Amino acid sequence: MTFGEKLQKKRKEKGWTQEQLAAQIGVSRQALSNWELDTAVPDTKNVLQLSKLFGVTTDYLLNDDYESDDDLPAVHASNERISSMYRNKARVIIGVCIAGVAALGLLIIGILSSVFPAVHIEAPVGANWVRATDGLWGFLKVNNLEWLFILCIFVLIAGLIVIWYPAVRNIGRKVRRKKKDKSEE
């Protein structure tokens, strides 16, 4: 897209006539028309005014290879960093929520086992021994909640993995890179 095409596109996005835009930057309508037709090029001062007015970079306006500011290498890299930062924040929030729900479940189970103590007695038929389990595990066995306790443990671990996996992966990459560098020496 040429300078003139970009100028015309941005002007129309703002809903301005050539006269309105020309008045804002202090040039004649004919000069602006020539810029849009690519028969003339504005001076540096006018390019700077246009870039500020439209909220775009001068690189975007002057380089025909760029269709938008997002095509600029620096802007693209910046957008990637920001996107990565938001993905990381979202991952941490999701991980904290998952781990928090699991921790809350474990806390509730622990409180219930304290408030309602139970003893699970196991005496197999014909055996000459008796096994009594009390405390948390006794409460879980009496109320058949072992599955819930184990599920909460796994969900807590999953939440922690969601939170910490990228950091651990990066550490692993650094360690492998160091080993590779040492082996090349």
N, C-alpha and C. Protein backbone atom coordinates (compact mmCIF):
# COMPACT_ATOMS: atom_id res chain seq x y z
N MET A 1 0.86 -1.17 0.00
CA MET A 1 0.00 0.00 0.00
C MET A 1 0.90 1.23 0.00
N THR A 2 0.62 2.18 -0.87
CA THR A 2 1.45 3.36 -1.01
C THR A 2 1.12 4.40 0.07
N PHE A 3 2.00 5.41 0.17
CA PHE A 3 1.76 6.50 1.12
C PHE A 3 0.40 7.14 0.88
N GLY A 4 0.10 7.43 -0.39
CA GLY A 4 -1.17 8.08 -0.72
C GLY A 4 -2.37 7.24 -0.34
N GLU A 5 -2.29 5.93 -0.58
CA GLU A 5 -3.40 5.03 -0.23
C GLU A 5 -3.59 4.99 1.29
N LYS A 6 -2.49 4.93 2.02
CA LYS A 6 -2.58 4.91 3.48
C LYS A 6 -3.15 6.22 4.01
N LEU A 7 -2.71 7.33 3.44
CA LEU A 7 -3.19 8.65 3.87
C LEU A 7 -4.69 8.76 3.63
N GLN A 8 -5.13 8.35 2.46
CA GLN A 8 -6.56 8.43 2.14
C GLN A 8 -7.36 7.51 3.06
N LYS A 9 -6.86 6.31 3.29
CA LYS A 9 -7.55 5.35 4.16
C LYS A 9 -7.69 5.92 5.57
N LYS A 10 -6.61 6.45 6.14
CA LYS A 10 -6.65 6.99 7.50
C LYS A 10 -7.58 8.21 7.57
N ARG A 11 -7.54 9.05 6.54
CA ARG A 11 -8.40 10.23 6.53
C ARG A 11 -9.87 9.81 6.52
N LYS A 12 -10.20 8.82 5.70
CA LYS A 12 -11.60 8.36 5.62
C LYS A 12 -12.03 7.66 6.90
N GLU A 13 -11.09 6.93 7.55
CA GLU A 13 -11.42 6.30 8.85
C GLU A 13 -11.83 7.35 9.86
N LYS A 14 -11.20 8.51 9.81
CA LYS A 14 -11.54 9.61 10.73
C LYS A 14 -12.80 10.36 10.28
N GLY A 15 -13.22 10.12 9.04
CA GLY A 15 -14.41 10.80 8.53
C GLY A 15 -14.15 12.24 8.11
N TRP A 16 -12.92 12.55 7.76
CA TRP A 16 -12.55 13.91 7.40
C TRP A 16 -12.53 14.08 5.87
N THR A 17 -12.83 15.28 5.43
CA THR A 17 -12.66 15.63 4.03
C THR A 17 -11.22 16.05 3.84
N GLN A 18 -10.82 16.17 2.57
CA GLN A 18 -9.47 16.65 2.29
C GLN A 18 -9.27 18.05 2.85
N GLU A 19 -10.32 18.89 2.74
CA GLU A 19 -10.22 20.26 3.24
C GLU A 19 -9.99 20.27 4.75
N GLN A 20 -10.72 19.41 5.48
CA GLN A 20 -10.59 19.37 6.94
C GLN A 20 -9.19 18.94 7.36
N LEU A 21 -8.68 17.89 6.72
CA LEU A 21 -7.34 17.41 7.07
C LEU A 21 -6.28 18.44 6.69
N ALA A 22 -6.42 19.03 5.52
CA ALA A 22 -5.45 20.03 5.06
C ALA A 22 -5.40 21.20 6.05
N ALA A 23 -6.56 21.63 6.53
CA ALA A 23 -6.61 22.74 7.49
C ALA A 23 -5.92 22.37 8.80
N GLN A 24 -6.05 21.11 9.23
CA GLN A 24 -5.46 20.68 10.50
C GLN A 24 -3.93 20.68 10.45
N ILE A 25 -3.36 20.39 9.28
CA ILE A 25 -1.90 20.34 9.22
C ILE A 25 -1.30 21.56 8.53
N GLY A 26 -2.17 22.47 8.08
CA GLY A 26 -1.69 23.74 7.54
C GLY A 26 -1.15 23.67 6.13
N VAL A 27 -1.79 22.87 5.26
CA VAL A 27 -1.42 22.82 3.85
C VAL A 27 -2.67 23.03 3.00
N SER A 28 -2.50 23.21 1.71
CA SER A 28 -3.65 23.39 0.83
C SER A 28 -4.30 22.05 0.53
N ARG A 29 -5.58 22.11 0.13
CA ARG A 29 -6.28 20.89 -0.24
C ARG A 29 -5.62 20.26 -1.46
N GLN A 30 -5.12 21.07 -2.37
CA GLN A 30 -4.46 20.56 -3.57
C GLN A 30 -3.19 19.77 -3.21
N ALA A 31 -2.42 20.28 -2.24
CA ALA A 31 -1.22 19.56 -1.81
C ALA A 31 -1.60 18.20 -1.23
N LEU A 32 -2.64 18.20 -0.39
CA LEU A 32 -3.10 16.94 0.20
C LEU A 32 -3.59 15.99 -0.88
N SER A 33 -4.31 16.51 -1.86
CA SER A 33 -4.80 15.69 -2.96
C SER A 33 -3.63 15.07 -3.72
N ASN A 34 -2.58 15.85 -3.97
CA ASN A 34 -1.39 15.31 -4.66
C ASN A 34 -0.72 14.21 -3.85
N TRP A 35 -0.69 14.36 -2.51
CA TRP A 35 -0.12 13.32 -1.65
C TRP A 35 -0.92 12.03 -1.78
N GLU A 36 -2.27 12.17 -1.75
CA GLU A 36 -3.13 10.99 -1.84
C GLU A 36 -3.04 10.32 -3.20
N LEU A 37 -2.75 11.09 -4.24
CA LEU A 37 -2.61 10.53 -5.59
C LEU A 37 -1.18 10.03 -5.85
N ASP A 38 -0.31 10.18 -4.87
CA ASP A 38 1.10 9.78 -4.97
C ASP A 38 1.84 10.53 -6.08
N THR A 39 1.40 11.77 -6.38
CA THR A 39 2.12 12.59 -7.36
C THR A 39 3.09 13.53 -6.67
N ALA A 40 2.97 13.61 -5.33
CA ALA A 40 3.89 14.42 -4.54
C ALA A 40 4.06 13.76 -3.17
N VAL A 41 5.15 14.10 -2.50
CA VAL A 41 5.44 13.55 -1.18
C VAL A 41 5.58 14.71 -0.20
N PRO A 42 4.96 14.60 0.97
CA PRO A 42 5.07 15.69 1.95
C PRO A 42 6.47 15.76 2.54
N ASP A 43 6.79 16.92 3.09
CA ASP A 43 8.09 17.04 3.76
C ASP A 43 8.04 16.35 5.13
N THR A 44 9.17 16.26 5.77
CA THR A 44 9.29 15.53 7.04
C THR A 44 8.35 16.07 8.10
N LYS A 45 8.25 17.40 8.18
CA LYS A 45 7.38 18.03 9.19
C LYS A 45 5.94 17.57 9.02
N ASN A 46 5.47 17.53 7.78
CA ASN A 46 4.08 17.12 7.53
C ASN A 46 3.87 15.63 7.79
N VAL A 47 4.87 14.82 7.46
CA VAL A 47 4.76 13.38 7.74
C VAL A 47 4.65 13.16 9.26
N LEU A 48 5.45 13.89 10.03
CA LEU A 48 5.37 13.78 11.50
C LEU A 48 4.01 14.20 12.01
N GLN A 49 3.47 15.30 11.46
CA GLN A 49 2.14 15.76 11.89
C GLN A 49 1.09 14.71 11.56
N LEU A 50 1.17 14.13 10.38
CA LEU A 50 0.20 13.11 9.98
C LEU A 50 0.30 11.87 10.87
N SER A 51 1.51 11.47 11.20
CA SER A 51 1.67 10.27 12.04
C SER A 51 1.07 10.52 13.43
N LYS A 52 1.27 11.71 13.98
CA LYS A 52 0.69 12.04 15.29
C LYS A 52 -0.83 12.13 15.21
N LEU A 53 -1.31 12.74 14.15
CA LEU A 53 -2.74 12.94 13.97
C LEU A 53 -3.48 11.61 13.85
N PHE A 54 -2.89 10.66 13.12
CA PHE A 54 -3.53 9.37 12.90
C PHE A 54 -3.11 8.31 13.92
N GLY A 55 -2.13 8.61 14.77
CA GLY A 55 -1.69 7.66 15.78
C GLY A 55 -0.96 6.46 15.18
N VAL A 56 -0.17 6.71 14.14
CA VAL A 56 0.62 5.65 13.51
C VAL A 56 2.07 6.10 13.45
N THR A 57 2.94 5.17 13.12
CA THR A 57 4.36 5.52 13.01
C THR A 57 4.66 6.09 11.63
N THR A 58 5.73 6.83 11.57
CA THR A 58 6.18 7.34 10.26
C THR A 58 6.65 6.19 9.38
N ASP A 59 7.21 5.15 9.99
CA ASP A 59 7.62 3.97 9.22
C ASP A 59 6.43 3.39 8.46
N TYR A 60 5.30 3.26 9.16
CA TYR A 60 4.09 2.74 8.52
C TYR A 60 3.69 3.61 7.34
N LEU A 61 3.69 4.92 7.55
CA LEU A 61 3.25 5.83 6.48
C LEU A 61 4.19 5.78 5.26
N LEU A 62 5.48 5.72 5.49
CA LEU A 62 6.45 5.87 4.41
C LEU A 62 6.86 4.57 3.73
N ASN A 63 6.75 3.44 4.42
CA ASN A 63 7.21 2.18 3.87
C ASN A 63 6.03 1.45 3.22
N ASP A 64 6.10 1.24 1.91
CA ASP A 64 5.01 0.61 1.16
C ASP A 64 4.83 -0.86 1.54
N ASP A 65 5.82 -1.48 2.18
CA ASP A 65 5.73 -2.89 2.55
C ASP A 65 4.82 -3.13 3.74
N TYR A 66 4.54 -2.10 4.52
CA TYR A 66 3.76 -2.27 5.74
C TYR A 66 2.31 -1.91 5.51
N GLU A 67 1.43 -2.87 5.83
CA GLU A 67 -0.01 -2.64 5.70
C GLU A 67 -0.59 -2.03 6.97
N SER A 68 0.08 -2.22 8.09
CA SER A 68 -0.35 -1.63 9.36
C SER A 68 0.87 -1.51 10.26
N ASP A 69 0.69 -0.81 11.37
CA ASP A 69 1.79 -0.69 12.33
C ASP A 69 2.20 -2.05 12.88
N ASP A 70 1.27 -3.00 12.90
CA ASP A 70 1.58 -4.33 13.42
C ASP A 70 2.61 -5.06 12.56
N ASP A 71 2.77 -4.62 11.30
CA ASP A 71 3.75 -5.24 10.42
C ASP A 71 5.18 -4.81 10.74
N LEU A 72 5.34 -3.72 11.48
CA LEU A 72 6.67 -3.25 11.82
C LEU A 72 7.35 -4.25 12.76
N PRO A 73 8.59 -4.60 12.53
CA PRO A 73 9.26 -5.60 13.38
C PRO A 73 9.24 -5.24 14.86
N ALA A 74 9.50 -3.99 15.20
CA ALA A 74 9.54 -3.60 16.61
C ALA A 74 8.16 -3.70 17.24
N VAL A 75 7.14 -3.29 16.50
CA VAL A 75 5.76 -3.37 17.02
C VAL A 75 5.34 -4.82 17.14
N HIS A 76 5.70 -5.62 16.16
CA HIS A 76 5.36 -7.05 16.20
C HIS A 76 6.00 -7.73 17.41
N ALA A 77 7.28 -7.44 17.64
CA ALA A 77 7.97 -8.02 18.79
C ALA A 77 7.33 -7.55 20.10
N SER A 78 6.99 -6.28 20.17
CA SER A 78 6.35 -5.74 21.37
C SER A 78 4.99 -6.40 21.61
N ASN A 79 4.21 -6.57 20.54
CA ASN A 79 2.91 -7.23 20.66
C ASN A 79 3.07 -8.67 21.12
N GLU A 80 4.10 -9.35 20.63
CA GLU A 80 4.35 -10.73 21.06
C GLU A 80 4.68 -10.79 22.55
N ARG A 81 5.51 -9.85 23.02
CA ARG A 81 5.86 -9.82 24.46
C ARG A 81 4.61 -9.57 25.30
N ILE A 82 3.79 -8.64 24.88
CA ILE A 82 2.57 -8.31 25.63
C ILE A 82 1.62 -9.50 25.62
N SER A 83 1.46 -10.12 24.47
CA SER A 83 0.58 -11.29 24.35
C SER A 83 1.08 -12.42 25.24
N SER A 84 2.38 -12.65 25.24
CA SER A 84 2.97 -13.68 26.09
C SER A 84 2.75 -13.36 27.56
N MET A 85 2.90 -12.09 27.92
CA MET A 85 2.71 -11.68 29.31
C MET A 85 1.28 -11.95 29.76
N TYR A 86 0.29 -11.63 28.90
CA TYR A 86 -1.11 -11.88 29.27
C TYR A 86 -1.41 -13.37 29.34
N ARG A 87 -0.82 -14.15 28.42
CA ARG A 87 -1.01 -15.61 28.49
C ARG A 87 -0.46 -16.15 29.79
N ASN A 88 0.72 -15.66 30.20
CA ASN A 88 1.32 -16.12 31.45
C ASN A 88 0.46 -15.74 32.64
N LYS A 89 -0.07 -14.51 32.64
CA LYS A 89 -0.93 -14.09 33.74
C LYS A 89 -2.20 -14.94 33.79
N ALA A 90 -2.79 -15.19 32.63
CA ALA A 90 -4.00 -16.01 32.59
C ALA A 90 -3.72 -17.42 33.10
N ARG A 91 -2.57 -17.98 32.69
CA ARG A 91 -2.19 -19.32 33.15
C ARG A 91 -2.03 -19.35 34.66
N VAL A 92 -1.38 -18.34 35.22
CA VAL A 92 -1.17 -18.30 36.66
C VAL A 92 -2.52 -18.16 37.38
N ILE A 93 -3.39 -17.32 36.87
CA ILE A 93 -4.71 -17.14 37.51
C ILE A 93 -5.49 -18.45 37.47
N ILE A 94 -5.48 -19.13 36.33
CA ILE A 94 -6.19 -20.41 36.23
C ILE A 94 -5.57 -21.43 37.18
N GLY A 95 -4.25 -21.49 37.22
CA GLY A 95 -3.57 -22.44 38.12
C GLY A 95 -3.88 -22.16 39.58
N VAL A 96 -3.89 -20.87 39.95
CA VAL A 96 -4.19 -20.51 41.33
C VAL A 96 -5.63 -20.89 41.67
N CYS A 97 -6.55 -20.67 40.73
CA CYS A 97 -7.95 -21.04 40.99
C CYS A 97 -8.09 -22.55 41.18
N ILE A 98 -7.45 -23.33 40.32
CA ILE A 98 -7.52 -24.79 40.42
C ILE A 98 -6.91 -25.25 41.74
N ALA A 99 -5.71 -24.77 42.04
CA ALA A 99 -5.05 -25.17 43.28
C ALA A 99 -5.83 -24.67 44.50
N GLY A 100 -6.41 -23.49 44.41
CA GLY A 100 -7.17 -22.93 45.52
C GLY A 100 -8.41 -23.75 45.84
N VAL A 101 -9.12 -24.19 44.80
CA VAL A 101 -10.31 -25.02 45.01
C VAL A 101 -9.91 -26.33 45.68
N ALA A 102 -8.82 -26.92 45.20
CA ALA A 102 -8.36 -28.19 45.79
C ALA A 102 -7.92 -27.99 47.24
N ALA A 103 -7.19 -26.93 47.50
CA ALA A 103 -6.73 -26.65 48.87
C ALA A 103 -7.92 -26.40 49.79
N LEU A 104 -8.92 -25.69 49.28
CA LEU A 104 -10.13 -25.46 50.08
C LEU A 104 -10.83 -26.77 50.38
N GLY A 105 -10.90 -27.65 49.39
CA GLY A 105 -11.50 -28.97 49.62
C GLY A 105 -10.76 -29.75 50.68
N LEU A 106 -9.42 -29.73 50.63
CA LEU A 106 -8.62 -30.43 51.64
C LEU A 106 -8.82 -29.81 53.02
N LEU A 107 -8.89 -28.49 53.06
CA LEU A 107 -9.11 -27.80 54.33
C LEU A 107 -10.46 -28.18 54.93
N ILE A 108 -11.48 -28.21 54.11
CA ILE A 108 -12.83 -28.57 54.60
C ILE A 108 -12.84 -30.02 55.10
N ILE A 109 -12.21 -30.91 54.36
CA ILE A 109 -12.13 -32.31 54.80
C ILE A 109 -11.40 -32.40 56.13
N GLY A 110 -10.30 -31.66 56.26
CA GLY A 110 -9.53 -31.67 57.51
C GLY A 110 -10.35 -31.14 58.68
N ILE A 111 -11.06 -30.05 58.46
CA ILE A 111 -11.90 -29.49 59.53
C ILE A 111 -13.01 -30.46 59.91
N LEU A 112 -13.66 -31.05 58.92
CA LEU A 112 -14.74 -32.00 59.21
C LEU A 112 -14.22 -33.22 59.97
N SER A 113 -13.00 -33.67 59.64
CA SER A 113 -12.45 -34.82 60.36
C SER A 113 -12.15 -34.47 61.81
N SER A 114 -11.87 -33.19 62.10
CA SER A 114 -11.62 -32.76 63.48
C SER A 114 -12.93 -32.58 64.25
N VAL A 115 -13.92 -32.03 63.56
CA VAL A 115 -15.21 -31.76 64.22
C VAL A 115 -15.99 -33.05 64.44
N PHE A 116 -15.91 -33.97 63.49
CA PHE A 116 -16.62 -35.25 63.60
C PHE A 116 -15.62 -36.40 63.58
N PRO A 117 -14.90 -36.60 64.69
CA PRO A 117 -13.89 -37.66 64.71
C PRO A 117 -14.56 -39.03 64.51
N ALA A 118 -13.85 -39.90 63.82
CA ALA A 118 -14.39 -41.22 63.55
C ALA A 118 -13.27 -42.24 63.66
N VAL A 119 -13.66 -43.44 64.02
CA VAL A 119 -12.71 -44.54 64.09
C VAL A 119 -13.25 -45.64 63.19
N HIS A 120 -12.43 -46.03 62.26
CA HIS A 120 -12.80 -47.11 61.35
C HIS A 120 -12.17 -48.39 61.88
N ILE A 121 -13.03 -49.38 62.13
CA ILE A 121 -12.54 -50.66 62.67
C ILE A 121 -12.71 -51.72 61.60
N GLU A 122 -11.61 -52.43 61.38
CA GLU A 122 -11.61 -53.48 60.38
C GLU A 122 -11.26 -54.79 61.09
N ALA A 123 -12.19 -55.74 61.04
CA ALA A 123 -11.96 -57.05 61.65
C ALA A 123 -12.44 -58.11 60.68
N PRO A 124 -11.53 -58.64 59.88
CA PRO A 124 -11.93 -59.66 58.91
C PRO A 124 -12.50 -60.90 59.61
N VAL A 125 -13.47 -61.51 58.95
CA VAL A 125 -14.11 -62.70 59.51
C VAL A 125 -13.08 -63.82 59.61
N GLY A 126 -13.02 -64.43 60.75
CA GLY A 126 -12.11 -65.54 60.97
C GLY A 126 -10.68 -65.13 61.31
N ALA A 127 -10.39 -63.85 61.28
CA ALA A 127 -9.03 -63.41 61.60
C ALA A 127 -8.94 -63.16 63.10
N ASN A 128 -7.76 -63.28 63.63
CA ASN A 128 -7.59 -63.05 65.07
C ASN A 128 -6.96 -61.68 65.33
N TRP A 129 -7.18 -60.74 64.45
CA TRP A 129 -6.67 -59.39 64.64
C TRP A 129 -7.74 -58.35 64.28
N VAL A 130 -7.59 -57.17 64.81
CA VAL A 130 -8.50 -56.05 64.56
C VAL A 130 -7.63 -54.83 64.24
N ARG A 131 -8.02 -54.10 63.20
CA ARG A 131 -7.28 -52.89 62.83
C ARG A 131 -8.22 -51.70 63.02
N ALA A 132 -7.76 -50.73 63.79
CA ALA A 132 -8.55 -49.51 64.02
C ALA A 132 -7.79 -48.34 63.42
N THR A 133 -8.49 -47.53 62.63
CA THR A 133 -7.90 -46.34 62.01
C THR A 133 -8.69 -45.14 62.50
N ASP A 134 -7.97 -44.15 63.04
CA ASP A 134 -8.66 -42.94 63.48
C ASP A 134 -8.04 -41.72 62.80
N GLY A 135 -8.41 -40.55 63.23
CA GLY A 135 -7.89 -39.32 62.63
C GLY A 135 -8.50 -39.06 61.26
N LEU A 136 -7.74 -38.41 60.43
CA LEU A 136 -8.23 -38.04 59.11
C LEU A 136 -8.56 -39.28 58.28
N TRP A 137 -7.64 -40.23 58.24
CA TRP A 137 -7.89 -41.41 57.42
C TRP A 137 -9.07 -42.23 57.94
N GLY A 138 -9.24 -42.28 59.24
CA GLY A 138 -10.40 -42.96 59.81
C GLY A 138 -11.69 -42.27 59.39
N PHE A 139 -11.70 -40.94 59.45
CA PHE A 139 -12.88 -40.17 59.01
C PHE A 139 -13.19 -40.46 57.54
N LEU A 140 -12.13 -40.47 56.72
CA LEU A 140 -12.33 -40.70 55.29
C LEU A 140 -12.89 -42.10 55.03
N LYS A 141 -12.38 -43.11 55.74
CA LYS A 141 -12.84 -44.49 55.55
C LYS A 141 -14.28 -44.67 56.03
N VAL A 142 -14.60 -44.11 57.20
CA VAL A 142 -15.96 -44.25 57.74
C VAL A 142 -16.98 -43.61 56.79
N ASN A 143 -16.63 -42.47 56.23
CA ASN A 143 -17.57 -41.75 55.37
C ASN A 143 -17.35 -42.02 53.87
N ASN A 144 -16.51 -42.99 53.54
CA ASN A 144 -16.21 -43.34 52.15
C ASN A 144 -15.80 -42.12 51.31
N LEU A 145 -14.89 -41.33 51.86
CA LEU A 145 -14.43 -40.12 51.18
C LEU A 145 -12.98 -40.18 50.73
N GLU A 146 -12.39 -41.37 50.73
CA GLU A 146 -11.00 -41.48 50.30
C GLU A 146 -10.83 -40.95 48.88
N TRP A 147 -11.78 -41.26 48.02
CA TRP A 147 -11.73 -40.83 46.62
C TRP A 147 -11.70 -39.31 46.52
N LEU A 148 -12.49 -38.63 47.36
CA LEU A 148 -12.54 -37.18 47.32
C LEU A 148 -11.21 -36.58 47.78
N PHE A 149 -10.63 -37.17 48.82
CA PHE A 149 -9.34 -36.70 49.33
C PHE A 149 -8.26 -36.86 48.26
N ILE A 150 -8.22 -38.01 47.62
CA ILE A 150 -7.23 -38.28 46.58
C ILE A 150 -7.46 -37.36 45.38
N LEU A 151 -8.71 -37.14 45.02
CA LEU A 151 -9.03 -36.23 43.92
C LEU A 151 -8.54 -34.81 44.23
N CYS A 152 -8.76 -34.35 45.47
CA CYS A 152 -8.30 -33.02 45.86
C CYS A 152 -6.77 -32.93 45.77
N ILE A 153 -6.08 -33.98 46.16
CA ILE A 153 -4.61 -34.00 46.07
C ILE A 153 -4.18 -33.87 44.61
N PHE A 154 -4.79 -34.67 43.72
CA PHE A 154 -4.43 -34.62 42.31
C PHE A 154 -4.75 -33.26 41.69
N VAL A 155 -5.89 -32.68 42.04
CA VAL A 155 -6.26 -31.37 41.50
C VAL A 155 -5.30 -30.30 42.01
N LEU A 156 -4.89 -30.39 43.27
CA LEU A 156 -3.91 -29.45 43.82
C LEU A 156 -2.59 -29.56 43.06
N ILE A 157 -2.13 -30.77 42.81
CA ILE A 157 -0.90 -30.98 42.05
C ILE A 157 -1.04 -30.43 40.64
N ALA A 158 -2.20 -30.67 40.02
CA ALA A 158 -2.44 -30.16 38.66
C ALA A 158 -2.39 -28.63 38.64
N GLY A 159 -2.99 -28.00 39.63
CA GLY A 159 -2.96 -26.54 39.71
C GLY A 159 -1.55 -26.01 39.86
N LEU A 160 -0.76 -26.67 40.70
CA LEU A 160 0.63 -26.26 40.88
C LEU A 160 1.45 -26.46 39.61
N ILE A 161 1.15 -27.52 38.89
CA ILE A 161 1.85 -27.76 37.62
C ILE A 161 1.49 -26.67 36.62
N VAL A 162 0.23 -26.29 36.55
CA VAL A 162 -0.18 -25.23 35.63
C VAL A 162 0.55 -23.94 35.97
N ILE A 163 0.71 -23.66 37.26
CA ILE A 163 1.38 -22.43 37.68
C ILE A 163 2.88 -22.49 37.36
N TRP A 164 3.53 -23.59 37.68
CA TRP A 164 4.99 -23.65 37.64
C TRP A 164 5.59 -24.31 36.40
N TYR A 165 4.82 -24.96 35.56
CA TYR A 165 5.38 -25.70 34.43
C TYR A 165 6.28 -24.86 33.53
N PRO A 166 5.83 -23.68 33.06
CA PRO A 166 6.72 -22.91 32.18
C PRO A 166 8.04 -22.52 32.84
N ALA A 167 8.01 -22.19 34.12
CA ALA A 167 9.26 -21.83 34.80
C ALA A 167 10.19 -23.04 34.87
N VAL A 168 9.65 -24.19 35.19
CA VAL A 168 10.46 -25.42 35.27
C VAL A 168 10.98 -25.77 33.88
N ARG A 169 10.15 -25.60 32.85
CA ARG A 169 10.57 -25.89 31.48
C ARG A 169 11.73 -24.97 31.08
N ASN A 170 11.64 -23.68 31.43
CA ASN A 170 12.72 -22.75 31.11
C ASN A 170 14.01 -23.11 31.82
N ILE A 171 13.91 -23.54 33.08
CA ILE A 171 15.10 -23.97 33.82
C ILE A 171 15.72 -25.17 33.13
N GLY A 172 14.89 -26.11 32.70
CA GLY A 172 15.38 -27.29 31.99
C GLY A 172 16.09 -26.91 30.70
N ARG A 173 15.55 -25.94 29.98
CA ARG A 173 16.17 -25.48 28.74
C ARG A 173 17.55 -24.88 29.02
N LYS A 174 17.63 -24.07 30.09
CA LYS A 174 18.90 -23.44 30.44
C LYS A 174 19.94 -24.50 30.80
N VAL A 175 19.52 -25.51 31.56
CA VAL A 175 20.44 -26.57 31.96
C VAL A 175 20.93 -27.33 30.72
N ARG A 176 20.01 -27.66 29.80
CA ARG A 176 20.40 -28.37 28.58
C ARG A 176 21.34 -27.51 27.73
N ARG A 177 21.06 -26.20 27.67
CA ARG A 177 21.90 -25.29 26.90
C ARG A 177 23.31 -25.25 27.49
N LYS A 178 23.42 -25.19 28.84
CA LYS A 178 24.73 -25.17 29.49
C LYS A 178 25.49 -26.45 29.22
N LYS A 179 24.79 -27.60 29.30
CA LYS A 179 25.44 -28.87 29.02
C LYS A 179 25.94 -28.92 27.59
N LYS A 180 25.14 -28.40 26.66
CA LYS A 180 25.52 -28.39 25.26
C LYS A 180 26.74 -27.48 25.06
N ASP A 181 26.74 -26.32 25.71
CA ASP A 181 27.88 -25.40 25.59
C ASP A 181 29.15 -26.03 26.15
N LYS A 182 29.04 -26.74 27.28
CA LYS A 182 30.21 -27.38 27.88
C LYS A 182 30.72 -28.50 26.99
N SER A 183 29.82 -29.23 26.36
CA SER A 183 30.26 -30.35 25.50
C SER A 183 30.91 -29.85 24.22
N GLU A 184 30.57 -28.63 23.80
CA GLU A 184 31.17 -28.06 22.60
C GLU A 184 32.56 -27.49 22.88
N GLU A 185 32.88 -27.23 24.13
CA GLU A 185 34.17 -26.63 24.49
C GLU A 185 35.31 -27.58 24.39
